[in-house]
Amino acid sequence: FPTRRAPDLDPKMSPKARAKRAPAISRDRASNVPKTELRLSAPDLRKLHFVKKGPRTEQDTELELKYGLAVRRYAENRLGVELSLQSDGPQVEFHVTYRAVFTLEVEEGAPAPDWVKELRVIAKEIAPSVLFPFLREAITSTASKAGVRSLVPPLVNFRELFKSVDIVIPDVAALVPEAESTGTLRNP
């Protein structure tokens, strides 16, 4: 039997023509979703502690890595997030913390989202994924300079790691002005 492709799957069809053939419901849904934009400050190294206790040996065991996450709310749509990574092994001890401020902006005239829900997603999933490469590089380069080979923290699925963690997003009434935020963030 001769087969015939559906018009929307025709490889010769232009993307514009495919878009016109797309179901109208998907265009309607897309137009009803307010456009959001996530802005962030440059990641800021807050702490770097590294101690070489002795030479690495072939019998070295895997390091136990402990991740920490802390948040501070600066405005209804603005959140400071700190990600830390530490380990205390027999040959090396380290603690590294990076921080960034995330601001979620919604298009003008659009209804306000559930800020707590949106900020929780940023804190648990987006922020750790953004900050982790900076922590990883700080540990790896410091270890290399200290003569400790092969110290590269493995990649992490933060969605799974922090899935069961209940991140408390402070109420807007309990906000701390960003200018007063000089110390380490604490999760209430």
C-alpha atoms as a PDB file:
ATOM      1  CA  PHE A   1       0.000   0.000   0.000  1.00  0.00           C
ATOM      2  CA  PRO A   2       1.264   3.473  -0.710  1.00  0.00           C
ATOM      3  CA  THR A   3       1.711   5.470   2.454  1.00  0.00           C
ATOM      4  CA  ARG A   4       0.888   9.089   2.785  1.00  0.00           C
ATOM      5  CA  ARG A   5       2.316  11.417   5.394  1.00  0.00           C
ATOM      6  CA  ALA A   6       0.124  13.690   7.406  1.00  0.00           C
ATOM      7  CA  PRO A   7       0.601  17.273   6.178  1.00  0.00           C
ATOM      8  CA  ASP A   8       2.004  18.450   9.532  1.00  0.00           C
ATOM      9  CA  LEU A   9       4.729  15.785   9.365  1.00  0.00           C
ATOM     10  CA  ASP A  10       5.755  16.535   5.795  1.00  0.00           C
ATOM     11  CA  PRO A  11       9.509  17.314   5.937  1.00  0.00           C
ATOM     12  CA  LYS A  12       9.169  19.645   2.948  1.00  0.00           C
ATOM     13  CA  MET A  13       6.652  21.822   4.795  1.00  0.00           C
ATOM     14  CA  SER A  14       8.023  25.034   6.273  1.00  0.00           C
ATOM     15  CA  PRO A  15       7.859  25.621  10.044  1.00  0.00           C
ATOM     16  CA  LYS A  16       5.372  28.481   9.457  1.00  0.00           C
ATOM     17  CA  ALA A  17       3.070  26.187   7.513  1.00  0.00           C
ATOM     18  CA  ARG A  18       3.315  23.567  10.279  1.00  0.00           C
ATOM     19  CA  ALA A  19       2.462  26.185  12.891  1.00  0.00           C
ATOM     20  CA  LYS A  20      -0.647  27.181  10.951  1.00  0.00           C
ATOM     21  CA  ARG A  21      -1.759  23.538  10.893  1.00  0.00           C
ATOM     22  CA  ALA A  22      -1.180  23.089  14.625  1.00  0.00           C
ATOM     23  CA  PRO A  23      -4.363  22.690  16.631  1.00  0.00           C
ATOM     24  CA  ALA A  24      -5.910  26.017  17.591  1.00  0.00           C
ATOM     25  CA  ILE A  25      -6.157  24.955  21.226  1.00  0.00           C
ATOM     26  CA  SER A  26      -2.358  24.943  21.640  1.00  0.00           C
ATOM     27  CA  ARG A  27      -2.143  28.518  20.313  1.00  0.00           C
ATOM     28  CA  ASP A  28      -4.928  29.551  22.671  1.00  0.00           C
ATOM     29  CA  ARG A  29      -3.176  27.977  25.649  1.00  0.00           C
ATOM     30  CA  ALA A  30       0.107  29.607  24.716  1.00  0.00           C
ATOM     31  CA  SER A  31      -1.515  33.035  24.534  1.00  0.00           C
ATOM     32  CA  ASN A  32      -3.142  32.587  27.976  1.00  0.00           C
ATOM     33  CA  VAL A  33       0.109  31.752  29.747  1.00  0.00           C
ATOM     34  CA  PRO A  34       1.756  34.921  31.072  1.00  0.00           C
ATOM     35  CA  LYS A  35       5.331  35.406  29.964  1.00  0.00           C
ATOM     36  CA  THR A  36       7.792  35.161  32.823  1.00  0.00           C
ATOM     37  CA  GLU A  37      11.438  36.032  32.992  1.00  0.00           C
ATOM     38  CA  LEU A  38      13.946  34.801  35.535  1.00  0.00           C
ATOM     39  CA  ARG A  39      16.864  37.104  36.261  1.00  0.00           C
ATOM     40  CA  LEU A  40      19.774  36.324  38.495  1.00  0.00           C
ATOM     41  CA  SER A  41      22.744  38.083  39.971  1.00  0.00           C
ATOM     42  CA  ALA A  42      26.245  36.876  39.275  1.00  0.00           C
ATOM     43  CA  PRO A  43      27.017  33.901  41.542  1.00  0.00           C
ATOM     44  CA  ASP A  44      28.997  35.051  44.550  1.00  0.00           C
ATOM     45  CA  LEU A  45      31.581  32.895  46.361  1.00  0.00           C
ATOM     46  CA  ARG A  46      30.640  33.167  50.046  1.00  0.00           C
ATOM     47  CA  LYS A  47      32.965  30.562  51.571  1.00  0.00           C
ATOM     48  CA  LEU A  48      35.919  28.463  50.478  1.00  0.00           C
ATOM     49  CA  HIS A  49      37.585  26.281  53.098  1.00  0.00           C
ATOM     50  CA  PHE A  50      40.016  23.604  51.927  1.00  0.00           C
ATOM     51  CA  VAL A  51      42.442  21.598  54.075  1.00  0.00           C
ATOM     52  CA  LYS A  52      44.790  18.928  52.760  1.00  0.00           C
ATOM     53  CA  LYS A  53      45.288  16.472  55.618  1.00  0.00           C
ATOM     54  CA  GLY A  54      47.680  14.057  53.944  1.00  0.00           C
ATOM     55  CA  PRO A  55      48.644  12.451  50.667  1.00  0.00           C
ATOM     56  CA  ARG A  56      45.991  10.603  48.700  1.00  0.00           C
ATOM     57  CA  THR A  57      46.509   6.875  48.494  1.00  0.00           C
ATOM     58  CA  GLU A  58      45.182   4.200  46.187  1.00  0.00           C
ATOM     59  CA  GLN A  59      42.961   2.929  49.009  1.00  0.00           C
ATOM     60  CA  ASP A  60      41.136   6.255  49.333  1.00  0.00           C
ATOM     61  CA  THR A  61      37.434   5.777  49.716  1.00  0.00           C
ATOM     62  CA  GLU A  62      34.823   7.910  48.040  1.00  0.00           C
ATOM     63  CA  LEU A  63      34.216  11.162  49.840  1.00  0.00           C
ATOM     64  CA  GLU A  64      30.877  11.620  51.519  1.00  0.00           C
ATOM     65  CA  LEU A  65      29.447  14.842  50.102  1.00  0.00           C
ATOM     66  CA  LYS A  66      26.942  16.893  52.096  1.00  0.00           C
ATOM     67  CA  TYR A  67      24.835  19.458  50.271  1.00  0.00           C
ATOM     68  CA  GLY A  68      23.223  22.434  51.954  1.00  0.00           C
ATOM     69  CA  LEU A  69      20.576  24.815  50.697  1.00  0.00           C
ATOM     70  CA  ALA A  70      19.470  28.073  52.323  1.00  0.00           C
ATOM     71  CA  VAL A  71      17.089  30.784  51.181  1.00  0.00           C
ATOM     72  CA  ARG A  72      16.241  34.377  52.033  1.00  0.00           C
ATOM     73  CA  ARG A  73      13.360  36.306  50.525  1.00  0.00           C
ATOM     74  CA  TYR A  74      14.037  39.942  49.639  1.00  0.00           C
ATOM     75  CA  ALA A  75      10.762  40.824  47.915  1.00  0.00           C
ATOM     76  CA  GLU A  76       7.579  39.151  46.795  1.00  0.00           C
ATOM     77  CA  ASN A  77       9.363  37.891  43.663  1.00  0.00           C
ATOM     78  CA  ARG A  78      13.050  38.004  44.746  1.00  0.00           C
ATOM     79  CA  LEU A  79      14.920  35.190  46.470  1.00  0.00           C
ATOM     80  CA  GLY A  80      18.524  34.727  47.605  1.00  0.00           C
ATOM     81  CA  VAL A  81      19.724  31.116  47.418  1.00  0.00           C
ATOM     82  CA  GLU A  82      22.936  29.624  48.811  1.00  0.00           C
ATOM     83  CA  LEU A  83      24.195  26.205  47.820  1.00  0.00           C
ATOM     84  CA  SER A  84      26.969  24.641  49.864  1.00  0.00           C
ATOM     85  CA  LEU A  85      28.979  21.465  49.502  1.00  0.00           C
ATOM     86  CA  GLN A  86      31.187  19.996  52.186  1.00  0.00           C
ATOM     87  CA  SER A  87      33.136  16.886  52.971  1.00  0.00           C
ATOM     88  CA  ASP A  88      35.467  15.760  55.728  1.00  0.00           C
ATOM     89  CA  GLY A  89      37.509  12.828  54.467  1.00  0.00           C
ATOM     90  CA  PRO A  90      40.744  11.332  55.793  1.00  0.00           C
ATOM     91  CA  GLN A  91      42.937  13.151  53.238  1.00  0.00           C
ATOM     92  CA  VAL A  92      40.962  16.321  52.488  1.00  0.00           C
ATOM     93  CA  GLU A  93      38.347  18.533  54.083  1.00  0.00           C
ATOM     94  CA  PHE A  94      36.436  21.268  52.288  1.00  0.00           C
ATOM     95  CA  HIS A  95      33.402  23.517  52.536  1.00  0.00           C
ATOM     96  CA  VAL A  96      32.336  25.736  49.621  1.00  0.00           C
ATOM     97  CA  THR A  97      29.321  28.035  49.430  1.00  0.00           C
ATOM     98  CA  TYR A  98      28.018  30.067  46.492  1.00  0.00           C
ATOM     99  CA  ARG A  99      25.078  32.465  46.486  1.00  0.00           C
ATOM    100  CA  ALA A 100      22.938  34.187  43.844  1.00  0.00           C
ATOM    101  CA  VAL A 101      19.797  36.309  43.930  1.00  0.00           C
ATOM    102  CA  PHE A 102      16.945  35.245  41.636  1.00  0.00           C
ATOM    103  CA  THR A 103      14.158  37.581  40.524  1.00  0.00           C
ATOM    104  CA  LEU A 104      11.043  36.293  38.795  1.00  0.00           C
ATOM    105  CA  GLU A 105       9.266  38.887  36.672  1.00  0.00           C
ATOM    106  CA  VAL A 106       5.829  38.473  35.105  1.00  0.00           C
ATOM    107  CA  GLU A 107       4.696  40.412  32.057  1.00  0.00           C
ATOM    108  CA  GLU A 108       2.841  43.612  32.869  1.00  0.00           C
ATOM    109  CA  GLY A 109      -0.910  43.189  33.232  1.00  0.00           C
ATOM    110  CA  ALA A 110      -0.654  39.433  33.756  1.00  0.00           C
ATOM    111  CA  PRO A 111      -2.125  37.876  36.888  1.00  0.00           C
ATOM    112  CA  ALA A 112       0.386  37.316  39.669  1.00  0.00           C
ATOM    113  CA  PRO A 113       1.438  33.685  40.042  1.00  0.00           C
ATOM    114  CA  ASP A 114       1.559  31.750  43.303  1.00  0.00           C
ATOM    115  CA  TRP A 115       4.865  33.344  44.345  1.00  0.00           C
ATOM    116  CA  VAL A 116       5.643  30.841  47.088  1.00  0.00           C
ATOM    117  CA  LYS A 117       5.192  27.896  44.722  1.00  0.00           C
ATOM    118  CA  GLU A 118       7.291  29.518  41.986  1.00  0.00           C
ATOM    119  CA  LEU A 119      10.066  30.578  44.391  1.00  0.00           C
ATOM    120  CA  ARG A 120      10.154  27.073  45.878  1.00  0.00           C
ATOM    121  CA  VAL A 121      10.811  25.620  42.390  1.00  0.00           C
ATOM    122  CA  ILE A 122      13.575  28.166  41.876  1.00  0.00           C
ATOM    123  CA  ALA A 123      15.130  27.332  45.263  1.00  0.00           C
ATOM    124  CA  LYS A 124      14.948  23.537  44.957  1.00  0.00           C
ATOM    125  CA  GLU A 125      15.640  22.951  41.263  1.00  0.00           C
ATOM    126  CA  ILE A 126      16.845  25.938  39.285  1.00  0.00           C
ATOM    127  CA  ALA A 127      19.205  27.654  41.733  1.00  0.00           C
ATOM    128  CA  PRO A 128      21.194  24.515  42.667  1.00  0.00           C
ATOM    129  CA  SER A 129      21.640  23.639  38.988  1.00  0.00           C
ATOM    130  CA  VAL A 130      22.913  27.158  38.269  1.00  0.00           C
ATOM    131  CA  LEU A 131      25.245  27.337  41.292  1.00  0.00           C
ATOM    132  CA  PHE A 132      26.668  23.791  41.245  1.00  0.00           C
ATOM    133  CA  PRO A 133      29.143  24.295  38.365  1.00  0.00           C
ATOM    134  CA  PHE A 134      30.727  27.144  40.342  1.00  0.00           C
ATOM    135  CA  LEU A 135      31.091  24.983  43.478  1.00  0.00           C
ATOM    136  CA  ARG A 136      32.444  22.099  41.417  1.00  0.00           C
ATOM    137  CA  GLU A 137      35.040  24.282  39.708  1.00  0.00           C
ATOM    138  CA  ALA A 138      36.147  25.857  43.015  1.00  0.00           C
ATOM    139  CA  ILE A 139      36.699  22.427  44.593  1.00  0.00           C
ATOM    140  CA  THR A 140      38.389  20.932  41.539  1.00  0.00           C
ATOM    141  CA  SER A 141      40.774  23.830  40.923  1.00  0.00           C
ATOM    142  CA  THR A 142      41.654  24.228  44.614  1.00  0.00           C
ATOM    143  CA  ALA A 143      42.338  20.493  44.923  1.00  0.00           C
ATOM    144  CA  SER A 144      44.520  20.615  41.831  1.00  0.00           C
ATOM    145  CA  LYS A 145      46.537  23.525  43.234  1.00  0.00           C
ATOM    146  CA  ALA A 146      46.924  21.598  46.500  1.00  0.00           C
ATOM    147  CA  GLY A 147      48.265  18.570  44.655  1.00  0.00           C
ATOM    148  CA  VAL A 148      45.178  16.450  45.282  1.00  0.00           C
ATOM    149  CA  ARG A 149      44.352  14.621  42.075  1.00  0.00           C
ATOM    150  CA  SER A 150      40.982  13.409  40.860  1.00  0.00           C
ATOM    151  CA  LEU A 151      38.807  15.417  43.215  1.00  0.00           C
ATOM    152  CA  VAL A 152      35.831  16.239  41.007  1.00  0.00           C
ATOM    153  CA  PRO A 153      32.369  16.169  42.589  1.00  0.00           C
ATOM    154  CA  PRO A 154      29.979  14.097  40.458  1.00  0.00           C
ATOM    155  CA  LEU A 155      27.058  15.635  38.591  1.00  0.00           C
ATOM    156  CA  VAL A 156      23.870  15.705  40.627  1.00  0.00           C
ATOM    157  CA  ASN A 157      20.154  15.556  39.866  1.00  0.00           C
ATOM    158  CA  PHE A 158      18.991  18.309  42.222  1.00  0.00           C
ATOM    159  CA  ARG A 159      15.322  17.657  41.496  1.00  0.00           C
ATOM    160  CA  GLU A 160      15.770  14.205  43.064  1.00  0.00           C
ATOM    161  CA  LEU A 161      18.224  15.312  45.760  1.00  0.00           C
ATOM    162  CA  PHE A 162      15.951  18.013  47.182  1.00  0.00           C
ATOM    163  CA  LYS A 163      12.618  16.350  46.293  1.00  0.00           C
ATOM    164  CA  SER A 164      11.793  15.439  49.882  1.00  0.00           C
ATOM    165  CA  VAL A 165      13.255  18.623  51.391  1.00  0.00           C
ATOM    166  CA  ASP A 166      10.633  21.118  52.506  1.00  0.00           C
ATOM    167  CA  ILE A 167      12.036  24.528  51.630  1.00  0.00           C
ATOM    168  CA  VAL A 168      10.441  27.261  53.703  1.00  0.00           C
ATOM    169  CA  ILE A 169       9.857  30.428  51.693  1.00  0.00           C
ATOM    170  CA  PRO A 170       9.469  33.249  54.241  1.00  0.00           C
ATOM    171  CA  ASP A 171       6.341  35.410  54.148  1.00  0.00           C
ATOM    172  CA  VAL A 172       6.583  38.807  52.505  1.00  0.00           C
ATOM    173  CA  ALA A 173       5.996  40.425  55.926  1.00  0.00           C
ATOM    174  CA  ALA A 174       9.226  38.836  57.231  1.00  0.00           C
ATOM    175  CA  LEU A 175      11.415  40.240  54.467  1.00  0.00           C
ATOM    176  CA  VAL A 176      14.964  41.362  55.148  1.00  0.00           C
ATOM    177  CA  PRO A 177      16.249  44.204  52.983  1.00  0.00           C
ATOM    178  CA  GLU A 178      18.973  42.963  50.662  1.00  0.00           C
ATOM    179  CA  ALA A 179      21.316  45.746  51.809  1.00  0.00           C
ATOM    180  CA  GLU A 180      21.253  44.265  55.332  1.00  0.00           C
ATOM    181  CA  SER A 181      22.119  40.786  54.088  1.00  0.00           C
ATOM    182  CA  THR A 182      25.821  40.358  54.708  1.00  0.00           C
ATOM    183  CA  GLY A 183      26.001  37.042  56.518  1.00  0.00           C
ATOM    184  CA  THR A 184      25.239  33.489  55.545  1.00  0.00           C
ATOM    185  CA  LEU A 185      21.645  32.696  54.707  1.00  0.00           C
ATOM    186  CA  ARG A 186      19.783  30.437  57.076  1.00  0.00           C
ATOM    187  CA  ASN A 187      16.722  28.382  56.310  1.00  0.00           C
ATOM    188  CA  PRO A 188      14.150  29.212  59.022  1.00  0.00           C
END
